[in-house]
């Protein structure tokens, strides 16, 4: 039995007019996030991951397509529905040093959302909720009246997580929430997010460029390249049998701890640079760097299609180039 779809994107396009032309940051993306799941969104810098996250949050208005939250287009909301949406869909930002107001102590950071959404009108209940949130993210009452500069990067990100949780959201967009943290702290934050999901049933869109981490935290993974989704599958399926040449190249770059295996495996090196997302040519966006590209790839943009059960790829040659890892 399939899970309830909490958020769905239908052919979403978020384009920007720049001096050189039209920058197609998000170019026809269709995705669905189920209640209680983590959908990982992975791709290299500049592929449109963060723009897609901000489009979901109503921070960017798409030029086309639909963003449906609980089956309703978020751009057709009334004023009261927008406010409810702001409560139910939250964000954890990439930079814990820039995302917290340096003039506000933690108590004020966590209380602000509760006041806006009138969740805990009684002061004593708000105080109890703040202490519970701090405990939930691995902090304590001693941290309540400290300023952001008094915390480490990992602690600041825990405050950011507590702030997102303070309004009892149903979906959290995690925009590279560990990339600015020390490697030793990254696993702690990801484990915290997984534990919170088990306790609270939250859904995550986890945006990252770290394939190893996205494999660990995600139920399903979408691979993004130049504004489009090129592959989508359950986490284990994606890593066991990749269907898109770009995903295969990404997988081959993941270091393996076993030196014998690392020495035997074949690294896939891509030729050329990533094309500009401004006024993209017809055809597959990846064909200029793909060793399998044919004339059809240059003429016709491949649709994201189901090649194996639950496994989608945007490649004309997916069946021929599929690769077991």
C-alpha atoms as a PDB file:
ATOM      1  CA  UNK A   1       0.000   0.000   0.000  1.00  0.00           C
ATOM      2  CA  UNK A   2       1.473   3.349  -1.059  1.00  0.00           C
ATOM      3  CA  UNK A   3       2.004   6.118   1.451  1.00  0.00           C
ATOM      4  CA  UNK A   4       0.149   9.420   1.425  1.00  0.00           C
ATOM      5  CA  UNK A   5       1.770  12.031  -0.802  1.00  0.00           C
ATOM      6  CA  UNK A   6       2.450  15.142   1.251  1.00  0.00           C
ATOM      7  CA  UNK A   7       4.015  17.340  -1.423  1.00  0.00           C
ATOM      8  CA  UNK A   8       4.092  16.937  -5.184  1.00  0.00           C
ATOM      9  CA  UNK A   9       5.828  18.876  -7.951  1.00  0.00           C
ATOM     10  CA  UNK A  10       4.421  18.723 -11.464  1.00  0.00           C
ATOM     11  CA  UNK A  11       6.712  19.939 -14.268  1.00  0.00           C
ATOM     12  CA  UNK A  12       7.994  22.851 -12.150  1.00  0.00           C
ATOM     13  CA  UNK A  13      10.101  25.472 -13.913  1.00  0.00           C
ATOM     14  CA  UNK A  14      11.884  28.274 -12.054  1.00  0.00           C
ATOM     15  CA  UNK A  15      13.691  30.499 -14.519  1.00  0.00           C
ATOM     16  CA  UNK A  16      15.487  33.809 -14.048  1.00  0.00           C
ATOM     17  CA  UNK A  17      16.188  36.530 -16.573  1.00  0.00           C
ATOM     18  CA  UNK A  18      19.876  37.446 -16.542  1.00  0.00           C
ATOM     19  CA  UNK A  19      21.981  39.602 -18.823  1.00  0.00           C
ATOM     20  CA  UNK A  20      23.024  36.627 -20.959  1.00  0.00           C
ATOM     21  CA  UNK A  21      19.495  35.271 -21.391  1.00  0.00           C
ATOM     22  CA  UNK A  22      17.187  32.908 -19.493  1.00  0.00           C
ATOM     23  CA  UNK A  23      18.772  30.952 -16.651  1.00  0.00           C
ATOM     24  CA  UNK A  24      16.817  27.708 -16.297  1.00  0.00           C
ATOM     25  CA  UNK A  25      17.643  26.895 -12.673  1.00  0.00           C
ATOM     26  CA  UNK A  26      14.785  24.395 -12.326  1.00  0.00           C
ATOM     27  CA  UNK A  27      13.650  23.047 -15.663  1.00  0.00           C
ATOM     28  CA  UNK A  28      10.619  20.766 -15.637  1.00  0.00           C
ATOM     29  CA  UNK A  29      10.950  18.892 -12.342  1.00  0.00           C
ATOM     30  CA  UNK A  30       8.304  16.391 -11.221  1.00  0.00           C
ATOM     31  CA  UNK A  31       8.686  14.811  -7.780  1.00  0.00           C
ATOM     32  CA  UNK A  32       6.603  13.593  -4.852  1.00  0.00           C
ATOM     33  CA  UNK A  33       7.459  13.444  -1.151  1.00  0.00           C
ATOM     34  CA  UNK A  34       5.528  10.927   0.922  1.00  0.00           C
ATOM     35  CA  UNK A  35       4.462  11.445   4.502  1.00  0.00           C
ATOM     36  CA  UNK A  36       7.160  10.293   6.907  1.00  0.00           C
ATOM     37  CA  UNK A  37       9.864   9.677   4.299  1.00  0.00           C
ATOM     38  CA  UNK A  38      13.196  11.288   3.504  1.00  0.00           C
ATOM     39  CA  UNK A  39      13.720  12.159  -0.143  1.00  0.00           C
ATOM     40  CA  UNK A  40      17.361  12.881  -0.846  1.00  0.00           C
ATOM     41  CA  UNK A  41      18.160  15.416  -3.573  1.00  0.00           C
ATOM     42  CA  UNK A  42      21.748  15.156  -4.760  1.00  0.00           C
ATOM     43  CA  UNK A  43      23.792  16.883  -7.440  1.00  0.00           C
ATOM     44  CA  UNK A  44      26.832  19.072  -7.937  1.00  0.00           C
ATOM     45  CA  UNK A  45      26.939  22.765  -7.083  1.00  0.00           C
ATOM     46  CA  UNK A  46      24.864  24.941  -9.403  1.00  0.00           C
ATOM     47  CA  UNK A  47      22.497  22.191 -10.564  1.00  0.00           C
ATOM     48  CA  UNK A  48      19.424  23.899  -9.049  1.00  0.00           C
ATOM     49  CA  UNK A  49      18.951  21.954  -5.802  1.00  0.00           C
ATOM     50  CA  UNK A  50      18.643  24.970  -3.503  1.00  0.00           C
ATOM     51  CA  UNK A  51      16.461  26.851  -6.005  1.00  0.00           C
ATOM     52  CA  UNK A  52      14.116  23.866  -6.043  1.00  0.00           C
ATOM     53  CA  UNK A  53      14.013  23.868  -2.231  1.00  0.00           C
ATOM     54  CA  UNK A  54      13.177  27.560  -2.143  1.00  0.00           C
ATOM     55  CA  UNK A  55      10.502  27.097  -4.794  1.00  0.00           C
ATOM     56  CA  UNK A  56       8.875  24.477  -2.567  1.00  0.00           C
ATOM     57  CA  UNK A  57       8.931  26.980   0.313  1.00  0.00           C
ATOM     58  CA  UNK A  58       7.212  29.744  -1.721  1.00  0.00           C
ATOM     59  CA  UNK A  59      10.374  31.844  -1.644  1.00  0.00           C
ATOM     60  CA  UNK A  60      10.609  31.681  -5.451  1.00  0.00           C
ATOM     61  CA  UNK A  61       7.540  31.680  -7.649  1.00  0.00           C
ATOM     62  CA  UNK A  62       7.841  29.142 -10.482  1.00  0.00           C
ATOM     63  CA  UNK A  63       7.395  30.189 -14.096  1.00  0.00           C
ATOM     64  CA  UNK A  64       5.413  27.063 -14.820  1.00  0.00           C
ATOM     65  CA  UNK A  65       4.114  23.828 -13.345  1.00  0.00           C
ATOM     66  CA  UNK A  66       2.513  23.227  -9.970  1.00  0.00           C
ATOM     67  CA  UNK A  67       3.681  22.792  -6.381  1.00  0.00           C
ATOM     68  CA  UNK A  68       0.962  20.855  -4.558  1.00  0.00           C
ATOM     69  CA  UNK A  69       0.965  20.582  -0.775  1.00  0.00           C
ATOM     70  CA  UNK A  70      -1.717  18.224   0.512  1.00  0.00           C
ATOM     71  CA  UNK A  71      -3.120  18.188  -3.049  1.00  0.00           C
ATOM     72  CA  UNK A  72      -3.566  21.976  -3.328  1.00  0.00           C
ATOM     73  CA  UNK A  73      -1.421  24.385  -5.340  1.00  0.00           C
ATOM     74  CA  UNK A  74       0.496  26.546  -2.847  1.00  0.00           C
ATOM     75  CA  UNK A  75       0.116  29.598  -5.114  1.00  0.00           C
ATOM     76  CA  UNK A  76      -3.673  29.400  -4.880  1.00  0.00           C
ATOM     77  CA  UNK A  77      -3.702  29.726  -1.096  1.00  0.00           C
ATOM     78  CA  UNK A  78      -5.698  32.270   0.847  1.00  0.00           C
ATOM     79  CA  UNK A  79      -3.872  34.419   3.407  1.00  0.00           C
ATOM     80  CA  UNK A  80      -4.771  32.047   6.247  1.00  0.00           C
ATOM     81  CA  UNK A  81      -3.659  29.034   4.204  1.00  0.00           C
ATOM     82  CA  UNK A  82      -0.300  30.691   3.513  1.00  0.00           C
ATOM     83  CA  UNK A  83       0.211  31.171   7.242  1.00  0.00           C
ATOM     84  CA  UNK A  84      -0.623  27.529   7.934  1.00  0.00           C
ATOM     85  CA  UNK A  85       1.754  26.473   5.147  1.00  0.00           C
ATOM     86  CA  UNK A  86       4.539  28.557   6.698  1.00  0.00           C
ATOM     87  CA  UNK A  87       3.982  26.664   9.937  1.00  0.00           C
ATOM     88  CA  UNK A  88       3.817  23.186   8.429  1.00  0.00           C
ATOM     89  CA  UNK A  89       6.748  23.484   5.987  1.00  0.00           C
ATOM     90  CA  UNK A  90      10.013  24.624   7.555  1.00  0.00           C
ATOM     91  CA  UNK A  91      13.651  24.875   6.533  1.00  0.00           C
ATOM     92  CA  UNK A  92      17.047  24.058   8.026  1.00  0.00           C
ATOM     93  CA  UNK A  93      19.653  26.283   6.396  1.00  0.00           C
ATOM     94  CA  UNK A  94      23.112  25.408   5.148  1.00  0.00           C
ATOM     95  CA  UNK A  95      25.131  27.937   7.137  1.00  0.00           C
ATOM     96  CA  UNK A  96      24.546  27.789  10.901  1.00  0.00           C
ATOM     97  CA  UNK A  97      26.671  30.923  11.321  1.00  0.00           C
ATOM     98  CA  UNK A  98      24.486  33.103   9.068  1.00  0.00           C
ATOM     99  CA  UNK A  99      21.037  31.660   9.754  1.00  0.00           C
ATOM    100  CA  UNK A 100      20.726  32.777  13.405  1.00  0.00           C
ATOM    101  CA  UNK A 101      20.210  36.404  14.456  1.00  0.00           C
ATOM    102  CA  UNK A 102      23.367  37.321  16.413  1.00  0.00           C
ATOM    103  CA  UNK A 103      21.358  39.703  18.629  1.00  0.00           C
ATOM    104  CA  UNK A 104      18.832  37.112  19.828  1.00  0.00           C
ATOM    105  CA  UNK A 105      19.412  34.533  22.541  1.00  0.00           C
ATOM    106  CA  UNK A 106      18.250  30.971  21.908  1.00  0.00           C
ATOM    107  CA  UNK A 107      15.083  31.481  23.971  1.00  0.00           C
ATOM    108  CA  UNK A 108      13.949  34.286  21.642  1.00  0.00           C
ATOM    109  CA  UNK A 109      14.889  32.323  18.519  1.00  0.00           C
ATOM    110  CA  UNK A 110      12.703  29.395  19.576  1.00  0.00           C
ATOM    111  CA  UNK A 111       9.858  31.494  20.965  1.00  0.00           C
ATOM    112  CA  UNK A 112       9.354  33.659  17.882  1.00  0.00           C
ATOM    113  CA  UNK A 113       7.594  31.037  15.773  1.00  0.00           C
ATOM    114  CA  UNK A 114       5.349  30.005  18.644  1.00  0.00           C
ATOM    115  CA  UNK A 115       4.226  33.602  19.112  1.00  0.00           C
ATOM    116  CA  UNK A 116       3.561  34.135  15.396  1.00  0.00           C
ATOM    117  CA  UNK A 117       1.467  30.984  15.096  1.00  0.00           C
ATOM    118  CA  UNK A 118      -0.054  31.246  18.579  1.00  0.00           C
ATOM    119  CA  UNK A 119       0.847  27.679  19.456  1.00  0.00           C
ATOM    120  CA  UNK A 120       1.515  28.153  23.155  1.00  0.00           C
ATOM    121  CA  UNK A 121      -0.244  31.340  24.308  1.00  0.00           C
ATOM    122  CA  UNK A 122       0.609  30.676  27.949  1.00  0.00           C
ATOM    123  CA  UNK A 123       4.113  31.832  28.936  1.00  0.00           C
ATOM    124  CA  UNK A 124       4.733  28.850  31.217  1.00  0.00           C
ATOM    125  CA  UNK A 125       3.815  26.406  28.443  1.00  0.00           C
ATOM    126  CA  UNK A 126       6.095  28.208  25.991  1.00  0.00           C
ATOM    127  CA  UNK A 127       8.949  27.954  28.477  1.00  0.00           C
ATOM    128  CA  UNK A 128       8.318  24.238  28.953  1.00  0.00           C
ATOM    129  CA  UNK A 129       8.194  23.753  25.183  1.00  0.00           C
ATOM    130  CA  UNK A 130      11.516  25.591  24.706  1.00  0.00           C
ATOM    131  CA  UNK A 131      13.230  23.389  27.292  1.00  0.00           C
ATOM    132  CA  UNK A 132      11.733  20.288  25.684  1.00  0.00           C
ATOM    133  CA  UNK A 133      13.036  21.389  22.265  1.00  0.00           C
ATOM    134  CA  UNK A 134      16.525  21.979  23.615  1.00  0.00           C
ATOM    135  CA  UNK A 135      16.529  18.534  25.178  1.00  0.00           C
ATOM    136  CA  UNK A 136      15.190  17.033  21.943  1.00  0.00           C
ATOM    137  CA  UNK A 137      18.180  18.297  19.932  1.00  0.00           C
ATOM    138  CA  UNK A 138      20.847  17.440  22.497  1.00  0.00           C
ATOM    139  CA  UNK A 139      21.131  20.789  24.272  1.00  0.00           C
ATOM    140  CA  UNK A 140      19.969  21.756  27.780  1.00  0.00           C
ATOM    141  CA  UNK A 141      18.581  24.614  29.861  1.00  0.00           C
ATOM    142  CA  UNK A 142      22.050  26.125  30.292  1.00  0.00           C
ATOM    143  CA  UNK A 143      21.976  27.013  26.586  1.00  0.00           C
ATOM    144  CA  UNK A 144      18.628  28.833  26.665  1.00  0.00           C
ATOM    145  CA  UNK A 145      19.921  32.357  27.226  1.00  0.00           C
ATOM    146  CA  UNK A 146      23.141  32.166  25.249  1.00  0.00           C
ATOM    147  CA  UNK A 147      23.834  34.094  22.062  1.00  0.00           C
ATOM    148  CA  UNK A 148      24.756  32.302  18.785  1.00  0.00           C
ATOM    149  CA  UNK A 149      28.419  33.360  19.004  1.00  0.00           C
ATOM    150  CA  UNK A 150      28.731  31.328  22.204  1.00  0.00           C
ATOM    151  CA  UNK A 151      28.082  28.061  20.351  1.00  0.00           C
ATOM    152  CA  UNK A 152      30.093  25.800  18.064  1.00  0.00           C
ATOM    153  CA  UNK A 153      28.916  25.212  14.494  1.00  0.00           C
ATOM    154  CA  UNK A 154      27.320  21.890  15.426  1.00  0.00           C
ATOM    155  CA  UNK A 155      25.489  23.439  18.367  1.00  0.00           C
ATOM    156  CA  UNK A 156      24.238  26.305  16.197  1.00  0.00           C
ATOM    157  CA  UNK A 157      22.833  23.820  13.710  1.00  0.00           C
ATOM    158  CA  UNK A 158      21.069  22.040  16.580  1.00  0.00           C
ATOM    159  CA  UNK A 159      19.482  25.380  17.474  1.00  0.00           C
ATOM    160  CA  UNK A 160      18.440  25.729  13.822  1.00  0.00           C
ATOM    161  CA  UNK A 161      16.829  22.296  13.956  1.00  0.00           C
ATOM    162  CA  UNK A 162      15.034  23.196  17.201  1.00  0.00           C
ATOM    163  CA  UNK A 163      13.761  26.409  15.583  1.00  0.00           C
ATOM    164  CA  UNK A 164      12.318  24.423  12.671  1.00  0.00           C
ATOM    165  CA  UNK A 165      10.660  21.993  15.105  1.00  0.00           C
ATOM    166  CA  UNK A 166       9.253  24.735  17.333  1.00  0.00           C
ATOM    167  CA  UNK A 167       6.152  25.214  15.158  1.00  0.00           C
ATOM    168  CA  UNK A 168       5.430  21.467  14.807  1.00  0.00           C
ATOM    169  CA  UNK A 169       6.071  21.133  11.042  1.00  0.00           C
ATOM    170  CA  UNK A 170       5.119  18.212   8.821  1.00  0.00           C
ATOM    171  CA  UNK A 171       7.825  18.750   6.194  1.00  0.00           C
ATOM    172  CA  UNK A 172      11.331  20.158   6.613  1.00  0.00           C
ATOM    173  CA  UNK A 173      13.519  21.197   3.686  1.00  0.00           C
ATOM    174  CA  UNK A 174      17.109  20.523   4.780  1.00  0.00           C
ATOM    175  CA  UNK A 175      19.330  22.619   2.489  1.00  0.00           C
ATOM    176  CA  UNK A 176      22.794  21.044   2.835  1.00  0.00           C
ATOM    177  CA  UNK A 177      22.489  21.173   6.635  1.00  0.00           C
ATOM    178  CA  UNK A 178      25.835  19.464   7.301  1.00  0.00           C
ATOM    179  CA  UNK A 179      28.128  20.844   4.588  1.00  0.00           C
ATOM    180  CA  UNK A 180      29.432  23.689   6.785  1.00  0.00           C
ATOM    181  CA  UNK A 181      30.154  21.367   9.732  1.00  0.00           C
ATOM    182  CA  UNK A 182      33.240  19.382  10.686  1.00  0.00           C
ATOM    183  CA  UNK A 183      33.161  15.779   9.460  1.00  0.00           C
ATOM    184  CA  UNK A 184      33.104  14.529  13.051  1.00  0.00           C
ATOM    185  CA  UNK A 185      29.918  16.527  13.709  1.00  0.00           C
ATOM    186  CA  UNK A 186      28.106  15.696  10.463  1.00  0.00           C
ATOM    187  CA  UNK A 187      27.157  12.159  11.492  1.00  0.00           C
ATOM    188  CA  UNK A 188      25.818  13.423  14.834  1.00  0.00           C
ATOM    189  CA  UNK A 189      23.490  15.896  13.118  1.00  0.00           C
ATOM    190  CA  UNK A 190      22.271  13.325  10.584  1.00  0.00           C
ATOM    191  CA  UNK A 191      21.622  10.774  13.358  1.00  0.00           C
ATOM    192  CA  UNK A 192      19.687  13.454  15.232  1.00  0.00           C
ATOM    193  CA  UNK A 193      17.517  14.109  12.166  1.00  0.00           C
ATOM    194  CA  UNK A 194      16.820  10.388  11.769  1.00  0.00           C
ATOM    195  CA  UNK A 195      15.878  10.035  15.447  1.00  0.00           C
ATOM    196  CA  UNK A 196      13.548  13.040  15.263  1.00  0.00           C
ATOM    197  CA  UNK A 197      11.852  11.592  12.207  1.00  0.00           C
ATOM    198  CA  UNK A 198      11.160   8.325  14.041  1.00  0.00           C
ATOM    199  CA  UNK A 199       9.702  10.176  17.040  1.00  0.00           C
ATOM    200  CA  UNK A 200       7.698  12.845  15.211  1.00  0.00           C
ATOM    201  CA  UNK A 201       6.903  11.343  11.807  1.00  0.00           C
ATOM    202  CA  UNK A 202       8.346  14.342   9.935  1.00  0.00           C
ATOM    203  CA  UNK A 203       9.058  14.248   6.196  1.00  0.00           C
ATOM    204  CA  UNK A 204      12.382  15.585   4.904  1.00  0.00           C
ATOM    205  CA  UNK A 205      13.674  16.863   1.602  1.00  0.00           C
ATOM    206  CA  UNK A 206      17.407  16.398   2.246  1.00  0.00           C
ATOM    207  CA  UNK A 207      19.471  18.456  -0.208  1.00  0.00           C
ATOM    208  CA  UNK A 208      23.162  17.586  -0.409  1.00  0.00           C
ATOM    209  CA  UNK A 209      26.117  16.867  -2.677  1.00  0.00           C
ATOM    210  CA  UNK A 210      27.416  14.134  -0.332  1.00  0.00           C
ATOM    211  CA  UNK A 211      26.425  10.769  -1.811  1.00  0.00           C
ATOM    212  CA  UNK A 212      27.598   8.748   1.170  1.00  0.00           C
ATOM    213  CA  UNK A 213      25.463  10.748   3.583  1.00  0.00           C
ATOM    214  CA  UNK A 214      22.400  10.827   1.328  1.00  0.00           C
ATOM    215  CA  UNK A 215      22.548   7.029   1.068  1.00  0.00           C
ATOM    216  CA  UNK A 216      22.510   6.754   4.859  1.00  0.00           C
ATOM    217  CA  UNK A 217      19.603   9.094   5.580  1.00  0.00           C
ATOM    218  CA  UNK A 218      17.320   8.766   2.516  1.00  0.00           C
ATOM    219  CA  UNK A 219      14.476   6.392   1.691  1.00  0.00           C
ATOM    220  CA  UNK A 220      14.540   7.518  -1.943  1.00  0.00           C
ATOM    221  CA  UNK A 221      17.090   9.583  -3.858  1.00  0.00           C
ATOM    222  CA  UNK A 222      16.653  11.985  -6.777  1.00  0.00           C
ATOM    223  CA  UNK A 223      19.745  12.917  -8.795  1.00  0.00           C
ATOM    224  CA  UNK A 224      19.684  16.400 -10.309  1.00  0.00           C
ATOM    225  CA  UNK A 225      21.729  17.763 -13.217  1.00  0.00           C
ATOM    226  CA  UNK A 226      21.397  21.212 -14.817  1.00  0.00           C
ATOM    227  CA  UNK A 227      17.922  21.893 -13.490  1.00  0.00           C
ATOM    228  CA  UNK A 228      16.374  18.483 -14.183  1.00  0.00           C
ATOM    229  CA  UNK A 229      15.984  15.146 -12.414  1.00  0.00           C
ATOM    230  CA  UNK A 230      18.011  12.509 -14.266  1.00  0.00           C
ATOM    231  CA  UNK A 231      17.420   9.528 -11.945  1.00  0.00           C
ATOM    232  CA  UNK A 232      15.077   8.639  -9.083  1.00  0.00           C
ATOM    233  CA  UNK A 233      14.866   5.419  -7.078  1.00  0.00           C
ATOM    234  CA  UNK A 234      14.874   3.905  -3.627  1.00  0.00           C
ATOM    235  CA  UNK A 235      18.241   4.429  -1.957  1.00  0.00           C
ATOM    236  CA  UNK A 236      19.497   0.836  -2.113  1.00  0.00           C
ATOM    237  CA  UNK A 237      18.219   0.331  -5.667  1.00  0.00           C
ATOM    238  CA  UNK A 238      19.973   3.483  -6.870  1.00  0.00           C
ATOM    239  CA  UNK A 239      23.306   2.424  -5.398  1.00  0.00           C
ATOM    240  CA  UNK A 240      22.983  -1.218  -6.463  1.00  0.00           C
ATOM    241  CA  UNK A 241      21.963  -0.589 -10.077  1.00  0.00           C
ATOM    242  CA  UNK A 242      22.448   2.856 -11.576  1.00  0.00           C
ATOM    243  CA  UNK A 243      20.731   3.644 -14.867  1.00  0.00           C
ATOM    244  CA  UNK A 244      21.991   7.092 -15.836  1.00  0.00           C
ATOM    245  CA  UNK A 245      25.572   7.804 -17.017  1.00  0.00           C
ATOM    246  CA  UNK A 246      25.794  10.900 -14.813  1.00  0.00           C
ATOM    247  CA  UNK A 247      24.815   8.952 -11.695  1.00  0.00           C
ATOM    248  CA  UNK A 248      27.348   6.270 -12.631  1.00  0.00           C
ATOM    249  CA  UNK A 249      30.090   8.903 -12.766  1.00  0.00           C
ATOM    250  CA  UNK A 250      29.040  10.280  -9.366  1.00  0.00           C
ATOM    251  CA  UNK A 251      29.041   6.786  -7.838  1.00  0.00           C
ATOM    252  CA  UNK A 252      32.490   6.006  -9.192  1.00  0.00           C
ATOM    253  CA  UNK A 253      33.879   9.057  -7.331  1.00  0.00           C
ATOM    254  CA  UNK A 254      32.802   7.804  -3.887  1.00  0.00           C
ATOM    255  CA  UNK A 255      35.933   6.598  -2.033  1.00  0.00           C
ATOM    256  CA  UNK A 256      35.894   3.008  -0.733  1.00  0.00           C
ATOM    257  CA  UNK A 257      37.675   2.178   2.517  1.00  0.00           C
ATOM    258  CA  UNK A 258      38.977  -1.189   1.251  1.00  0.00           C
ATOM    259  CA  UNK A 259      42.213  -0.408  -0.681  1.00  0.00           C
ATOM    260  CA  UNK A 260      42.013  -3.628  -2.734  1.00  0.00           C
ATOM    261  CA  UNK A 261      38.492  -2.838  -3.943  1.00  0.00           C
ATOM    262  CA  UNK A 262      39.411   0.801  -4.518  1.00  0.00           C
ATOM    263  CA  UNK A 263      42.365  -0.205  -6.666  1.00  0.00           C
ATOM    264  CA  UNK A 264      40.348  -2.636  -8.826  1.00  0.00           C
ATOM    265  CA  UNK A 265      37.322  -0.494  -9.555  1.00  0.00           C
ATOM    266  CA  UNK A 266      37.020   1.742 -12.614  1.00  0.00           C
ATOM    267  CA  UNK A 267      36.682   5.495 -12.164  1.00  0.00           C
ATOM    268  CA  UNK A 268      34.463   7.238 -14.694  1.00  0.00           C
ATOM    269  CA  UNK A 269      35.958  10.581 -15.664  1.00  0.00           C
ATOM    270  CA  UNK A 270      33.696  13.088 -17.364  1.00  0.00           C
ATOM    271  CA  UNK A 271      35.060  15.167 -20.222  1.00  0.00           C
ATOM    272  CA  UNK A 272      34.389  18.849 -20.610  1.00  0.00           C
ATOM    273  CA  UNK A 273      32.767  21.344 -18.258  1.00  0.00           C
ATOM    274  CA  UNK A 274      29.181  21.608 -17.087  1.00  0.00           C
ATOM    275  CA  UNK A 275      27.267  23.574 -19.754  1.00  0.00           C
ATOM    276  CA  UNK A 276      25.744  26.907 -18.822  1.00  0.00           C
ATOM    277  CA  UNK A 277      22.139  26.715 -17.589  1.00  0.00           C
ATOM    278  CA  UNK A 278      21.468  29.881 -19.585  1.00  0.00           C
ATOM    279  CA  UNK A 279      19.502  29.129 -22.761  1.00  0.00           C
ATOM    280  CA  UNK A 280      20.157  25.399 -22.739  1.00  0.00           C
ATOM    281  CA  UNK A 281      20.325  23.719 -26.124  1.00  0.00           C
ATOM    282  CA  UNK A 282      17.776  21.136 -27.227  1.00  0.00           C
ATOM    283  CA  UNK A 283      18.346  17.519 -26.342  1.00  0.00           C
ATOM    284  CA  UNK A 284      19.796  15.907 -23.238  1.00  0.00           C
ATOM    285  CA  UNK A 285      21.562  18.389 -20.948  1.00  0.00           C
ATOM    286  CA  UNK A 286      24.220  15.758 -20.193  1.00  0.00           C
ATOM    287  CA  UNK A 287      24.986  14.654 -23.758  1.00  0.00           C
ATOM    288  CA  UNK A 288      28.059  16.904 -24.165  1.00  0.00           C
ATOM    289  CA  UNK A 289      29.812  14.994 -21.369  1.00  0.00           C
ATOM    290  CA  UNK A 290      28.312  11.538 -21.898  1.00  0.00           C
ATOM    291  CA  UNK A 291      30.472   8.802 -23.431  1.00  0.00           C
ATOM    292  CA  UNK A 292      27.332   7.001 -24.657  1.00  0.00           C
ATOM    293  CA  UNK A 293      25.696   9.985 -26.403  1.00  0.00           C
ATOM    294  CA  UNK A 294      24.096   9.433 -29.814  1.00  0.00           C
ATOM    295  CA  UNK A 295      22.511  11.744 -32.345  1.00  0.00           C
ATOM    296  CA  UNK A 296      19.068  11.260 -30.775  1.00  0.00           C
ATOM    297  CA  UNK A 297      20.441  12.514 -27.438  1.00  0.00           C
ATOM    298  CA  UNK A 298      21.500  15.776 -29.054  1.00  0.00           C
ATOM    299  CA  UNK A 299      18.114  16.312 -30.720  1.00  0.00           C
ATOM    300  CA  UNK A 300      15.565  15.102 -28.158  1.00  0.00           C
ATOM    301  CA  UNK A 301      15.414  15.760 -24.426  1.00  0.00           C
ATOM    302  CA  UNK A 302      14.748  12.437 -22.634  1.00  0.00           C
ATOM    303  CA  UNK A 303      11.735  12.224 -20.333  1.00  0.00           C
ATOM    304  CA  UNK A 304      12.036  10.834 -16.803  1.00  0.00           C
ATOM    305  CA  UNK A 305      10.557   7.357 -17.292  1.00  0.00           C
ATOM    306  CA  UNK A 306      10.175   4.208 -15.228  1.00  0.00           C
ATOM    307  CA  UNK A 307      12.854   1.809 -16.484  1.00  0.00           C
ATOM    308  CA  UNK A 308      12.629  -0.673 -13.608  1.00  0.00           C
ATOM    309  CA  UNK A 309       9.839  -0.922 -11.010  1.00  0.00           C
ATOM    310  CA  UNK A 310      10.064   2.290  -8.952  1.00  0.00           C
ATOM    311  CA  UNK A 311      13.315   3.265 -10.685  1.00  0.00           C
ATOM    312  CA  UNK A 312      13.158   6.233 -13.058  1.00  0.00           C
ATOM    313  CA  UNK A 313      15.803   7.622 -15.408  1.00  0.00           C
ATOM    314  CA  UNK A 314      15.928  10.430 -17.958  1.00  0.00           C
ATOM    315  CA  UNK A 315      18.072   8.653 -20.528  1.00  0.00           C
ATOM    316  CA  UNK A 316      17.232   7.282 -23.964  1.00  0.00           C
ATOM    317  CA  UNK A 317      19.806   4.518 -23.456  1.00  0.00           C
ATOM    318  CA  UNK A 318      19.116   3.597 -19.820  1.00  0.00           C
ATOM    319  CA  UNK A 319      18.563  -0.087 -20.563  1.00  0.00           C
ATOM    320  CA  UNK A 320      21.835  -0.346 -22.490  1.00  0.00           C
ATOM    321  CA  UNK A 321      24.061   1.596 -20.074  1.00  0.00           C
ATOM    322  CA  UNK A 322      22.619   0.341 -16.738  1.00  0.00           C
ATOM    323  CA  UNK A 323      25.407  -0.605 -14.380  1.00  0.00           C
ATOM    324  CA  UNK A 324      25.580  -2.866 -11.331  1.00  0.00           C
ATOM    325  CA  UNK A 325      27.799  -1.493  -8.555  1.00  0.00           C
END
